[in-house]
Amino acid sequence: MTSRRKLARRAPVCSLTVILWIAFGLSLTSVIVTVLYLPTLRSQPAERKKHDVEPDVVEDWDGNVLLDQMTDQTHISVDGWWVPHVRWEEEVSCTVGGRSLCQKVLSVMCKADSVRAVYQYLPIRPNTDIKTIYFSARSAAVDLQSVDPVHDADYSAIAMVKFDDGSRQTLRLDFPSGSHPFIAAENDMGVPNNRQVVSVLVMLFCHGYMGLVKFTDIILKPVVAGGMIGERDDVVSSCPPASLSPVSATKPTFHYEHIFNATFTEYKEDTVTLVTQVSMDRITMLDRIIRHWDGPMAVALYVPTTSEKPDTNHDWKRYYINKKLRHPKFRTFCSVLAVYANVVNDEYPINYLRNLALRMVKSKYVFLLDADFIPSPNFQDNFRLLINGQSDPTDRTAYVVPAFEFLEEQEDQPPPQDKEALKQQIFADDANILPFRSVESPESHRPTDYQRWYAEDQVYPVSTYQDKFEPYLVLRMSPSLPLYDERFSGYGMNKVTHTMELLAAGYQFLVLPSVWAIHVPHRSTSSNIQFLQKPLQRLHNRATRFEFVADIMRKYKVGPCSTKPQR
């Protein structure tokens, strides 16, 4: 009896032991299978045609045509998420849920007085019969608060669809402020039967808020006739088709006339003409330039109007211009072309003005400079010495003039007269000069390599291009010199796109070590303020930027367009 009781007591213990060993065996088998299978699972996306993802991101092709990757900003490209001047952080998170085990998350700190945005452009293959577009995203916020409740604040994702007739339609996903985990939003649209989609531009952004926002799981699914697309390449063109907005279709028409024709005739082989444009409300800037510039100038002067009807009364405007441009050097060295606005709402045609000024040039070289800069002393002589030291200057050389800025406007203190004096003001404890836009947009002039410039006395090449690089340049006049793209007017992308086209056209960028220009601060224009605070205005400007990039990729056979034409 006793032995039976012992056996009875042991039976549960033995059963429990067996169960534990079985559970351990199953767990061990699961771990082994996972270890053996996970590399295969992770390798699957890389095997799909042009759907490579980061090794820690596991996802299946589900019809989403948006890429997770960021744009390679050292090349001319439209692929991936493009970030303008304010950096967005990217990370791979495996805790946000959603379509995949791990997903890309894009985040940014919002600022109340500007638009913080990231963009992705999708050029659609011609004759792709898209019937419906689905758009969705998930987003989270941390302490997102509106600073000024009176004015509009936005925290959204927008997909702007452009059709073959030039019209546009937007899909918008709005998210709440405050603090919240990832929440989803979705929208869709049907494509009208008589239209074809030519491009889609997606914008993730915040404006009017302070705080952190995050976006993930951003999906754009086009449905074509017959159902879902098979591959991304079936609908998105790797070599974008020609833009539907050619320069000729947007060329402005203004009345213009010569105010001064320079009487200067002593042009030398290496004479440089300073080329600029300015609005009449800032005409005094020309007086400051002419006092510091030692050569010819070509100026396009924009004369706005307050009239809502076409304005042809220009007599008083001519009188005002002549009154303001009284310095004796103007009539000798300066050719001034007055361009008269038609109506009050005309947008400042900045690149049209630049091209008009360029066409007045008679010298071999041009210095492309904005009117709110002061050129360095003895520019002509210093440039001449540098050019004579070059072995074989070519038409496709772009000479970079390093740009600086005064932190405060200088009323009585003259600008530095040589490079040593400039460096002393930069490195002084109470420095009042810095590299231009080094705080708000460091990528705009970073390729100049200021640290090297401070110690350099020889011309040196720009080593790394950046697609936000917008230097002030000395160029050699030639029939092949690209002009500014006149689709750009007002504020945004007007100068940086010219630099991009020079690169695409094969120009080499060389930095000049003994000349420079200094920006003088002034009040922002109304168009600048609107651009900083109007998300939709910025969206349309960026759409023009991407169309421009697509056009020069095809024109100069850049990137995916360098091979045979795409279907």
Protein backbone atom coordinates (compact mmCIF):
# COMPACT_ATOMS: atom_id res chain seq x y z
CA MET A 1 0.00 0.00 0.00
CA THR A 2 2.84 2.29 0.93
CA SER A 3 4.57 1.71 -2.41
CA ARG A 4 1.36 2.53 -4.24
CA ARG A 5 1.06 5.82 -2.34
CA LYS A 6 4.65 6.69 -3.27
CA LEU A 7 3.91 5.83 -6.87
CA ALA A 8 0.77 7.93 -6.79
CA ARG A 9 2.73 10.88 -5.39
CA ARG A 10 5.43 10.44 -8.05
CA ALA A 11 2.98 10.17 -10.97
CA PRO A 12 2.04 13.89 -11.09
CA VAL A 13 5.69 14.82 -10.73
CA CYS A 14 6.67 12.57 -13.63
CA SER A 15 3.81 13.83 -15.78
CA LEU A 16 4.82 17.42 -15.09
CA THR A 17 8.43 16.61 -15.96
CA VAL A 18 7.39 15.06 -19.27
CA ILE A 19 5.22 18.06 -20.12
CA LEU A 20 8.07 20.46 -19.35
CA TRP A 21 10.49 18.48 -21.54
CA ILE A 22 7.96 18.45 -24.40
CA ALA A 23 7.43 22.22 -24.08
CA PHE A 24 11.19 22.77 -24.05
CA GLY A 25 11.56 20.66 -27.19
CA LEU A 26 8.86 22.60 -29.02
CA SER A 27 10.41 25.93 -28.02
CA LEU A 28 13.84 24.80 -29.16
CA THR A 29 12.39 23.65 -32.49
CA SER A 30 10.64 27.01 -32.93
CA VAL A 31 13.88 28.90 -32.28
CA ILE A 32 15.80 26.73 -34.75
CA VAL A 33 13.16 27.19 -37.45
CA THR A 34 13.08 30.95 -36.85
CA VAL A 35 16.87 31.25 -37.08
CA LEU A 36 16.96 29.20 -40.27
CA TYR A 37 13.97 30.91 -41.90
CA LEU A 38 14.51 34.57 -40.93
CA PRO A 39 17.46 35.20 -43.34
CA THR A 40 15.33 33.78 -46.15
CA LEU A 41 12.42 35.99 -45.15
CA ARG A 42 14.63 39.05 -45.03
CA SER A 43 16.15 38.31 -48.41
CA GLN A 44 12.82 38.14 -50.24
CA PRO A 45 12.26 41.91 -50.76
CA ALA A 46 15.78 42.28 -52.21
CA GLU A 47 14.95 39.64 -54.80
CA ARG A 48 12.02 41.63 -56.13
CA LYS A 49 12.73 43.86 -59.10
CA LYS A 50 13.69 47.33 -57.80
CA HIS A 51 11.97 46.88 -54.45
CA ASP A 52 15.09 46.75 -52.28
CA VAL A 53 14.47 47.74 -48.67
CA GLU A 54 16.71 48.13 -45.67
CA PRO A 55 17.77 44.72 -44.29
CA ASP A 56 15.83 45.25 -41.04
CA VAL A 57 12.63 46.23 -42.82
CA VAL A 58 10.44 43.31 -43.83
CA GLU A 59 7.62 44.08 -46.25
CA ASP A 60 5.84 42.53 -49.18
CA TRP A 61 4.93 44.25 -52.45
CA ASP A 62 1.34 45.34 -51.92
CA GLY A 63 0.84 47.90 -54.67
CA ASN A 64 2.41 50.82 -52.80
CA VAL A 65 4.44 52.89 -55.30
CA LEU A 66 6.13 55.10 -52.67
CA LEU A 67 9.75 54.33 -51.79
CA ASP A 68 11.04 54.14 -48.21
CA GLN A 69 14.48 55.48 -49.09
CA MET A 70 15.67 59.09 -48.91
CA THR A 71 16.82 60.87 -52.07
CA ASP A 72 20.56 60.76 -52.74
CA GLN A 73 21.13 64.51 -52.62
CA THR A 74 24.64 64.27 -54.04
CA HIS A 75 23.11 63.41 -57.43
CA ILE A 76 20.36 64.73 -59.68
CA SER A 77 17.42 62.45 -58.95
CA VAL A 78 13.67 62.34 -58.25
CA ASP A 79 13.66 58.98 -56.43
CA GLY A 80 12.72 58.71 -52.76
CA TRP A 81 11.88 61.25 -50.08
CA TRP A 82 13.47 64.63 -50.78
CA VAL A 83 14.19 66.93 -47.84
CA PRO A 84 14.66 70.68 -48.48
CA HIS A 85 16.60 72.74 -45.93
CA VAL A 86 15.33 71.34 -42.61
CA ARG A 87 16.49 67.83 -41.82
CA TRP A 88 13.98 65.07 -41.17
CA GLU A 89 15.14 62.18 -39.01
CA GLU A 90 14.67 58.63 -40.26
CA GLU A 91 14.70 55.44 -38.25
CA VAL A 92 13.58 51.84 -38.51
CA SER A 93 11.13 50.95 -35.75
CA CYS A 94 9.79 47.49 -34.92
CA THR A 95 7.27 48.72 -32.34
CA VAL A 96 4.84 50.80 -34.40
CA GLY A 97 2.77 47.93 -35.82
CA GLY A 98 1.25 48.17 -39.27
CA ARG A 99 1.92 46.30 -42.51
CA SER A 100 5.37 44.94 -41.67
CA LEU A 101 7.45 43.61 -38.81
CA CYS A 102 9.62 46.73 -38.94
CA GLN A 103 8.95 50.04 -40.68
CA LYS A 104 10.63 53.29 -41.66
CA VAL A 105 9.60 56.29 -39.53
CA LEU A 106 10.16 59.91 -40.63
CA SER A 107 10.06 62.61 -37.96
CA VAL A 108 10.65 66.34 -37.62
CA MET A 109 10.41 69.10 -35.02
CA CYS A 110 7.73 71.52 -36.17
CA LYS A 111 8.23 75.28 -36.14
CA ALA A 112 5.37 77.74 -35.88
CA ASP A 113 6.54 80.28 -38.45
CA SER A 114 7.63 77.95 -41.28
CA VAL A 115 6.63 74.82 -43.16
CA ARG A 116 8.53 71.66 -42.26
CA ALA A 117 8.01 69.26 -45.15
CA VAL A 118 9.39 66.25 -47.00
CA TYR A 119 8.37 65.28 -50.55
CA GLN A 120 8.23 62.33 -52.93
CA TYR A 121 7.58 62.78 -56.65
CA LEU A 122 6.14 60.05 -58.83
CA PRO A 123 6.34 60.60 -62.61
CA ILE A 124 3.74 58.31 -64.17
CA ARG A 125 4.45 56.34 -67.32
CA PRO A 126 2.65 57.75 -70.36
CA ASN A 127 -0.64 56.05 -71.26
CA THR A 128 -0.98 54.35 -67.88
CA ASP A 129 -4.74 54.02 -67.41
CA ILE A 130 -5.09 54.73 -63.69
CA LYS A 131 -8.69 54.50 -62.50
CA THR A 132 -8.42 54.99 -58.73
CA ILE A 133 -5.77 56.22 -56.28
CA TYR A 134 -5.74 55.13 -52.64
CA PHE A 135 -3.72 57.21 -50.15
CA SER A 136 -3.10 56.43 -46.48
CA ALA A 137 -0.60 57.06 -43.69
CA ARG A 138 -0.16 56.72 -39.96
CA SER A 139 1.21 59.48 -37.79
CA ALA A 140 2.06 60.20 -34.15
CA ALA A 141 2.63 63.49 -32.32
CA VAL A 142 4.42 64.53 -29.13
CA ASP A 143 3.44 67.80 -27.40
CA LEU A 144 2.23 69.34 -30.66
CA GLN A 145 0.79 72.74 -29.79
CA SER A 146 -0.42 75.66 -31.89
CA VAL A 147 1.46 78.83 -30.96
CA ASP A 148 -1.04 81.24 -32.50
CA PRO A 149 -4.60 79.82 -32.48
CA VAL A 150 -5.82 82.75 -34.58
CA HIS A 151 -3.86 81.65 -37.66
CA ASP A 152 -4.12 78.38 -39.56
CA ALA A 153 -2.01 75.46 -38.43
CA ASP A 154 -1.55 72.26 -40.42
CA TYR A 155 -0.35 68.75 -39.67
CA SER A 156 -1.09 66.67 -42.72
CA ALA A 157 -0.11 64.46 -45.62
CA ILE A 158 -1.11 65.57 -49.13
CA ALA A 159 -0.99 63.76 -52.45
CA MET A 160 -1.29 66.23 -55.34
CA VAL A 161 -2.31 64.51 -58.56
CA LYS A 162 -1.59 66.23 -61.89
CA PHE A 163 -3.53 65.33 -65.02
CA ASP A 164 -2.62 65.52 -68.70
CA ASP A 165 -4.70 68.70 -69.15
CA GLY A 166 -2.59 70.52 -66.52
CA SER A 167 -5.29 70.44 -63.84
CA ARG A 168 -4.61 69.15 -60.33
CA GLN A 169 -6.54 67.42 -57.57
CA THR A 170 -5.40 66.72 -54.01
CA LEU A 171 -5.94 63.94 -51.51
CA ARG A 172 -5.44 65.15 -47.95
CA LEU A 173 -4.95 63.33 -44.65
CA ASP A 174 -5.22 65.52 -41.53
CA PHE A 175 -4.06 64.52 -38.05
CA PRO A 176 -4.87 66.00 -34.60
CA SER A 177 -2.51 68.04 -32.44
CA GLY A 178 -1.51 67.25 -28.85
CA SER A 179 0.17 63.94 -28.02
CA HIS A 180 -1.02 60.65 -29.47
CA PRO A 181 0.35 57.29 -30.66
CA PHE A 182 0.29 56.32 -34.31
CA ILE A 183 -3.17 56.76 -35.77
CA ALA A 184 -4.27 55.98 -39.31
CA ALA A 185 -5.95 58.14 -41.95
CA GLU A 186 -6.93 57.28 -45.50
CA ASN A 187 -8.53 58.82 -48.58
CA ASP A 188 -9.11 57.91 -52.21
CA MET A 189 -10.16 59.42 -55.52
CA GLY A 190 -11.46 58.23 -58.83
CA VAL A 191 -9.74 59.52 -61.97
CA PRO A 192 -12.15 61.18 -64.44
CA ASN A 193 -12.64 59.11 -67.59
CA ASN A 194 -11.33 61.85 -69.89
CA ARG A 195 -8.03 62.40 -68.04
CA GLN A 196 -4.75 60.61 -67.48
CA VAL A 197 -2.51 60.98 -64.43
CA VAL A 198 0.94 62.35 -65.36
CA SER A 199 2.45 62.75 -61.87
CA VAL A 200 1.77 62.57 -58.15
CA LEU A 201 3.60 64.64 -55.54
CA VAL A 202 3.30 63.54 -51.91
CA MET A 203 4.03 66.03 -49.12
CA LEU A 204 4.28 65.27 -45.39
CA PHE A 205 4.32 68.47 -43.37
CA CYS A 206 3.51 70.55 -40.32
CA HIS A 207 3.06 74.30 -40.04
CA GLY A 208 1.94 76.63 -37.26
CA TYR A 209 2.81 74.13 -34.51
CA MET A 210 5.62 73.50 -32.07
CA GLY A 211 6.37 69.88 -31.20
CA LEU A 212 7.37 66.56 -32.76
CA VAL A 213 5.52 64.67 -35.50
CA LYS A 214 6.22 61.22 -36.93
CA PHE A 215 4.98 59.54 -40.11
CA THR A 216 5.07 55.88 -41.09
CA ASP A 217 3.23 53.39 -43.29
CA ILE A 218 2.77 55.99 -46.06
CA ILE A 219 0.96 54.25 -48.91
CA LEU A 220 -0.07 55.37 -52.39
CA LYS A 221 -1.79 52.66 -54.42
CA PRO A 222 -2.89 53.32 -58.00
CA VAL A 223 -5.40 50.91 -59.48
CA VAL A 224 -5.29 50.58 -63.25
CA ALA A 225 -7.84 49.23 -65.67
CA GLY A 226 -8.00 45.51 -64.97
CA GLY A 227 -6.94 45.71 -61.32
CA MET A 228 -3.87 46.33 -59.15
CA ILE A 229 -0.51 46.92 -60.83
CA GLY A 230 2.00 44.08 -60.85
CA GLU A 231 5.16 46.05 -60.14
CA ARG A 232 6.08 49.64 -59.28
CA ASP A 233 7.93 49.96 -62.59
CA ASP A 234 4.68 49.25 -64.41
CA VAL A 235 3.35 52.67 -63.42
CA VAL A 236 6.28 54.87 -62.24
CA SER A 237 8.81 55.95 -64.88
CA SER A 238 12.48 55.60 -63.92
CA CYS A 239 13.35 58.17 -66.61
CA PRO A 240 10.62 60.80 -66.23
CA PRO A 241 8.75 61.80 -69.38
CA ALA A 242 9.00 65.35 -70.68
CA SER A 243 7.17 67.91 -68.55
CA LEU A 244 3.79 69.22 -69.64
CA SER A 245 4.90 72.71 -68.53
CA PRO A 246 7.70 73.72 -70.93
CA VAL A 247 9.41 77.06 -70.40
CA SER A 248 7.86 78.52 -73.56
CA ALA A 249 4.36 77.89 -72.23
CA THR A 250 4.97 79.95 -69.09
CA LYS A 251 7.14 82.74 -70.51
CA PRO A 252 5.95 86.09 -69.07
CA THR A 253 5.19 89.10 -71.25
CA PHE A 254 6.14 92.53 -69.92
CA HIS A 255 6.87 95.90 -71.49
CA TYR A 256 10.50 96.89 -70.90
CA GLU A 257 12.85 99.67 -71.99
CA HIS A 258 16.47 100.75 -71.53
CA ILE A 259 16.99 103.46 -68.92
CA PHE A 260 20.80 103.54 -69.26
CA ASN A 261 23.11 102.01 -71.84
CA ALA A 262 26.63 101.83 -70.42
CA THR A 263 29.16 103.95 -72.29
CA PHE A 264 32.01 101.77 -71.03
CA THR A 265 34.00 100.32 -73.95
CA GLU A 266 37.34 99.27 -72.45
CA TYR A 267 36.58 95.58 -72.34
CA LYS A 268 39.51 93.24 -71.83
CA GLU A 269 39.77 89.52 -72.42
CA ASP A 270 38.93 88.82 -68.78
CA THR A 271 36.57 91.70 -67.91
CA VAL A 272 33.71 90.61 -65.66
CA THR A 273 30.21 92.13 -65.83
CA LEU A 274 28.14 91.98 -62.64
CA VAL A 275 24.63 90.77 -63.53
CA THR A 276 21.73 91.32 -61.15
CA GLN A 277 18.02 92.08 -60.81
CA VAL A 278 16.09 94.14 -58.28
CA SER A 279 12.64 95.57 -57.61
CA MET A 280 12.16 99.33 -57.60
CA ASP A 281 11.35 99.37 -53.89
CA ARG A 282 14.98 98.27 -53.34
CA ILE A 283 16.61 100.43 -55.95
CA THR A 284 18.97 101.94 -53.36
CA MET A 285 20.79 98.59 -53.25
CA LEU A 286 22.17 99.38 -56.70
CA ASP A 287 23.81 102.52 -55.36
CA ARG A 288 25.62 100.44 -52.75
CA ILE A 289 26.86 97.93 -55.33
CA ILE A 290 28.10 100.55 -57.81
CA ARG A 291 30.24 102.14 -55.08
CA HIS A 292 32.06 98.85 -54.48
CA TRP A 293 32.11 97.29 -57.95
CA ASP A 294 35.03 98.03 -60.27
CA GLY A 295 33.58 97.04 -63.64
CA PRO A 296 30.49 97.03 -65.87
CA MET A 297 27.03 96.07 -64.60
CA ALA A 298 23.86 94.76 -66.26
CA VAL A 299 20.67 95.30 -64.25
CA ALA A 300 17.05 94.30 -64.84
CA LEU A 301 14.90 96.61 -62.70
CA TYR A 302 11.35 95.47 -61.99
CA VAL A 303 8.80 98.27 -61.64
CA PRO A 304 5.63 97.08 -59.84
CA THR A 305 2.24 98.76 -60.07
CA THR A 306 -0.78 99.25 -57.82
CA SER A 307 -3.18 99.11 -60.75
CA GLU A 308 -5.65 96.26 -61.17
CA LYS A 309 -5.88 97.04 -64.90
CA PRO A 310 -2.97 97.03 -67.39
CA ASP A 311 -0.76 99.99 -66.44
CA THR A 312 0.88 101.96 -69.27
CA ASN A 313 1.64 105.20 -67.40
CA HIS A 314 5.42 104.96 -67.03
CA ASP A 315 6.53 108.62 -67.19
CA TRP A 316 6.70 109.22 -63.45
CA LYS A 317 8.45 105.87 -62.99
CA ARG A 318 11.23 106.85 -65.41
CA TYR A 319 11.67 110.12 -63.53
CA TYR A 320 11.88 108.30 -60.20
CA ILE A 321 14.46 105.80 -61.50
CA ASN A 322 16.69 108.55 -62.90
CA LYS A 323 16.41 110.46 -59.63
CA LYS A 324 17.53 107.44 -57.59
CA LEU A 325 20.38 106.36 -59.89
CA ARG A 326 22.37 109.59 -59.76
CA HIS A 327 25.82 108.21 -59.00
CA PRO A 328 28.09 109.18 -61.96
CA LYS A 329 29.31 105.59 -62.38
CA PHE A 330 25.81 104.44 -63.42
CA ARG A 331 25.79 106.06 -66.85
CA THR A 332 29.36 104.95 -67.56
CA PHE A 333 29.35 101.38 -66.29
CA CYS A 334 25.73 100.31 -65.87
CA SER A 335 23.13 99.14 -68.39
CA VAL A 336 19.70 99.31 -66.77
CA LEU A 337 16.59 97.75 -68.25
CA ALA A 338 13.25 98.73 -66.65
CA VAL A 339 10.62 95.98 -66.73
CA TYR A 340 7.10 97.26 -66.03
CA ALA A 341 4.51 95.14 -64.25
CA ASN A 342 1.15 94.83 -65.97
CA VAL A 343 -1.14 94.60 -62.92
CA VAL A 344 -0.77 94.64 -59.16
CA ASN A 345 -0.95 90.86 -58.78
CA ASP A 346 1.90 90.08 -61.17
CA GLU A 347 4.40 87.80 -59.44
CA TYR A 348 8.00 88.96 -59.34
CA PRO A 349 9.50 87.33 -62.49
CA ILE A 350 12.93 86.76 -61.01
CA ASN A 351 14.40 84.36 -63.58
CA TYR A 352 12.93 86.29 -66.50
CA LEU A 353 14.72 89.37 -65.14
CA ARG A 354 18.00 87.50 -64.72
CA ASN A 355 17.89 86.34 -68.32
CA LEU A 356 17.13 89.86 -69.61
CA ALA A 357 20.15 91.17 -67.71
CA LEU A 358 22.36 88.37 -69.05
CA ARG A 359 21.42 89.24 -72.62
CA MET A 360 22.79 92.79 -72.14
CA VAL A 361 26.30 91.57 -71.29
CA LYS A 362 29.18 92.48 -73.65
CA SER A 363 32.11 91.05 -71.69
CA LYS A 364 33.52 87.55 -71.78
CA TYR A 365 32.71 86.77 -68.13
CA VAL A 366 29.65 87.40 -65.95
CA PHE A 367 29.29 87.50 -62.18
CA LEU A 368 25.77 86.36 -61.22
CA LEU A 369 24.94 88.11 -57.95
CA ASP A 370 21.83 89.19 -56.06
CA ALA A 371 21.42 92.91 -55.43
CA ASP A 372 21.58 92.59 -51.63
CA PHE A 373 25.28 91.64 -51.75
CA ILE A 374 28.46 93.72 -51.73
CA PRO A 375 31.30 92.35 -53.93
CA SER A 376 34.81 92.23 -52.52
CA PRO A 377 37.28 95.05 -53.35
CA ASN A 378 39.47 94.87 -56.47
CA PHE A 379 37.38 92.04 -57.84
CA GLN A 380 38.47 92.50 -61.46
CA ASP A 381 42.22 92.46 -60.72
CA ASN A 382 41.99 89.53 -58.32
CA PHE A 383 39.91 87.51 -60.77
CA ARG A 384 42.31 88.33 -63.59
CA LEU A 385 45.27 87.01 -61.58
CA LEU A 386 43.41 83.81 -60.77
CA ILE A 387 42.31 83.21 -64.37
CA ASN A 388 45.79 83.82 -65.73
CA GLY A 389 47.02 81.12 -63.36
CA GLN A 390 44.60 78.58 -64.81
CA SER A 391 46.10 76.23 -67.38
CA ASP A 392 43.15 76.13 -69.77
CA PRO A 393 39.89 77.81 -68.70
CA THR A 394 36.92 76.41 -70.61
CA ASP A 395 33.37 77.48 -71.36
CA ARG A 396 32.15 74.83 -68.93
CA THR A 397 33.84 76.16 -65.80
CA ALA A 398 31.74 77.68 -63.03
CA TYR A 399 33.82 79.78 -60.63
CA VAL A 400 32.36 79.85 -57.12
CA VAL A 401 32.53 83.18 -55.28
CA PRO A 402 32.26 82.39 -51.53
CA ALA A 403 29.29 84.11 -49.91
CA PHE A 404 29.16 85.62 -46.42
CA GLU A 405 26.66 87.73 -44.51
CA PHE A 406 26.63 90.58 -42.05
CA LEU A 407 24.69 89.65 -38.93
CA GLU A 408 23.59 93.26 -38.61
CA GLU A 409 23.28 95.93 -41.25
CA GLN A 410 26.40 98.07 -41.56
CA GLU A 411 25.57 101.74 -41.85
CA ASP A 412 28.93 103.35 -41.13
CA GLN A 413 31.44 100.49 -40.97
CA PRO A 414 32.98 99.69 -44.40
CA PRO A 415 33.22 96.06 -45.51
CA PRO A 416 36.59 94.31 -45.08
CA GLN A 417 39.14 95.40 -47.66
CA ASP A 418 41.12 92.16 -47.92
CA LYS A 419 40.89 88.49 -46.99
CA GLU A 420 42.81 88.85 -43.72
CA ALA A 421 40.48 91.61 -42.55
CA LEU A 422 37.51 89.44 -43.51
CA LYS A 423 38.83 86.48 -41.50
CA GLN A 424 39.47 88.71 -38.49
CA GLN A 425 35.83 89.80 -38.51
CA ILE A 426 34.66 86.19 -38.88
CA PHE A 427 36.77 84.78 -36.04
CA ALA A 428 36.54 87.73 -33.64
CA ASP A 429 34.83 87.22 -30.27
CA ASP A 430 32.19 89.71 -31.35
CA ALA A 431 32.02 88.40 -34.93
CA ASN A 432 29.59 90.19 -37.18
CA ILE A 433 30.23 88.16 -40.37
CA LEU A 434 29.44 84.49 -40.99
CA PRO A 435 29.29 82.19 -44.01
CA PHE A 436 26.03 82.89 -45.79
CA ARG A 437 22.97 81.00 -44.46
CA SER A 438 25.19 78.77 -42.30
CA VAL A 439 22.49 78.58 -39.62
CA GLU A 440 19.15 78.33 -41.45
CA SER A 441 20.35 76.42 -44.52
CA PRO A 442 23.91 75.09 -44.15
CA GLU A 443 23.68 72.80 -47.20
CA SER A 444 23.14 75.79 -49.53
CA HIS A 445 26.84 76.71 -49.44
CA ARG A 446 28.55 73.82 -47.60
CA PRO A 447 30.23 72.48 -50.79
CA THR A 448 32.22 75.75 -50.95
CA ASP A 449 34.25 74.29 -48.04
CA TYR A 450 34.87 77.47 -46.03
CA GLN A 451 37.46 75.88 -43.76
CA ARG A 452 39.65 75.17 -46.77
CA TRP A 453 38.95 78.60 -48.26
CA TYR A 454 40.27 80.43 -45.18
CA ALA A 455 43.74 78.90 -45.71
CA GLU A 456 43.74 78.52 -49.49
CA ASP A 457 45.46 80.80 -52.02
CA GLN A 458 44.84 78.62 -55.09
CA VAL A 459 41.70 77.78 -57.03
CA TYR A 460 40.30 74.43 -55.85
CA PRO A 461 37.44 72.17 -57.03
CA VAL A 462 34.15 71.54 -55.27
CA SER A 463 34.57 67.96 -54.12
CA THR A 464 30.97 66.99 -53.35
CA TYR A 465 27.85 68.30 -55.04
CA GLN A 466 24.69 68.84 -52.97
CA ASP A 467 21.30 69.40 -54.63
CA LYS A 468 20.65 72.45 -52.44
CA PHE A 469 23.96 74.06 -53.48
CA GLU A 470 23.28 77.58 -54.80
CA PRO A 471 26.57 79.49 -55.03
CA TYR A 472 27.18 82.86 -56.65
CA LEU A 473 29.13 82.21 -59.81
CA VAL A 474 31.41 83.73 -62.40
CA LEU A 475 30.68 82.12 -65.77
CA ARG A 476 32.08 82.45 -69.24
CA MET A 477 29.58 83.73 -71.79
CA SER A 478 28.93 81.29 -74.62
CA PRO A 479 26.00 80.21 -76.82
CA SER A 480 25.75 76.98 -74.81
CA LEU A 481 25.49 78.70 -71.40
CA PRO A 482 22.21 77.54 -69.78
CA LEU A 483 19.87 80.39 -68.88
CA TYR A 484 17.64 80.50 -65.82
CA ASP A 485 14.40 78.52 -66.04
CA GLU A 486 11.58 81.06 -66.34
CA ARG A 487 8.95 78.74 -64.86
CA PHE A 488 10.24 79.98 -61.51
CA SER A 489 8.94 83.33 -60.31
CA GLY A 490 8.59 84.79 -56.86
CA TYR A 491 10.40 82.93 -54.09
CA GLY A 492 11.78 79.40 -54.05
CA MET A 493 14.02 77.18 -56.20
CA ASN A 494 14.80 79.90 -58.76
CA LYS A 495 18.61 79.95 -58.39
CA VAL A 496 19.43 76.47 -57.09
CA THR A 497 17.87 74.93 -60.20
CA HIS A 498 20.26 76.91 -62.40
CA THR A 499 23.22 75.46 -60.50
CA MET A 500 21.73 72.00 -60.96
CA GLU A 501 21.44 72.48 -64.72
CA LEU A 502 25.04 73.67 -64.94
CA LEU A 503 26.10 70.45 -63.23
CA ALA A 504 23.95 68.37 -65.59
CA ALA A 505 25.46 70.22 -68.56
CA GLY A 506 28.94 69.14 -67.50
CA TYR A 507 30.25 72.26 -65.75
CA GLN A 508 33.14 71.93 -63.32
CA PHE A 509 32.82 74.02 -60.14
CA LEU A 510 36.03 75.74 -58.96
CA VAL A 511 36.23 77.93 -55.85
CA LEU A 512 38.01 81.29 -56.12
CA PRO A 513 40.28 81.90 -53.08
CA SER A 514 40.73 85.70 -53.15
CA VAL A 515 37.29 87.13 -53.98
CA TRP A 516 33.99 87.00 -52.11
CA ALA A 517 30.61 88.69 -51.62
CA ILE A 518 28.84 89.76 -48.42
CA HIS A 519 25.07 89.80 -47.93
CA VAL A 520 23.57 92.87 -46.26
CA PRO A 521 20.48 92.02 -44.15
CA HIS A 522 17.14 93.63 -44.91
CA ARG A 523 13.44 93.11 -44.29
CA SER A 524 11.88 90.06 -45.92
CA THR A 525 9.63 90.56 -48.90
CA SER A 526 5.94 89.69 -48.74
CA SER A 527 6.48 86.86 -51.24
CA ASN A 528 9.21 85.41 -49.01
CA ILE A 529 6.94 85.52 -45.96
CA GLN A 530 4.06 83.92 -47.86
CA PHE A 531 6.32 81.18 -49.15
CA LEU A 532 7.51 80.39 -45.62
CA GLN A 533 3.97 80.25 -44.22
CA LYS A 534 1.78 78.91 -47.06
CA PRO A 535 2.04 75.10 -47.39
CA LEU A 536 0.08 74.88 -50.64
CA GLN A 537 2.13 77.63 -52.28
CA ARG A 538 5.26 75.72 -51.33
CA LEU A 539 3.76 72.47 -52.64
CA HIS A 540 3.18 74.00 -56.08
CA ASN A 541 6.70 75.45 -56.09
CA ARG A 542 8.16 72.03 -55.27
CA ALA A 543 6.07 70.46 -58.04
CA THR A 544 7.69 72.88 -60.50
CA ARG A 545 11.07 71.96 -59.04
CA PHE A 546 10.52 68.24 -59.61
CA GLU A 547 9.25 68.84 -63.14
CA PHE A 548 12.40 70.86 -63.81
CA VAL A 549 14.62 68.06 -62.45
CA ALA A 550 12.77 65.54 -64.60
CA ASP A 551 13.29 67.73 -67.68
CA ILE A 552 17.04 68.13 -67.21
CA MET A 553 17.46 64.42 -66.45
CA ARG A 554 16.04 63.69 -69.88
CA LYS A 555 17.69 66.66 -71.63
CA TYR A 556 21.20 65.87 -70.41
CA LYS A 557 20.74 62.09 -70.05
CA VAL A 558 21.35 62.09 -66.29
CA GLY A 559 20.90 59.08 -63.99
CA PRO A 560 18.31 56.58 -65.25
CA CYS A 561 17.99 58.68 -68.42
CA SER A 562 21.66 58.08 -69.30
CA THR A 563 20.78 54.77 -70.95
CA LYS A 564 18.36 54.13 -73.80
CA PRO A 565 15.00 55.98 -73.64
CA GLN A 566 12.54 54.51 -71.19
CA ARG A 567 9.23 53.13 -72.33
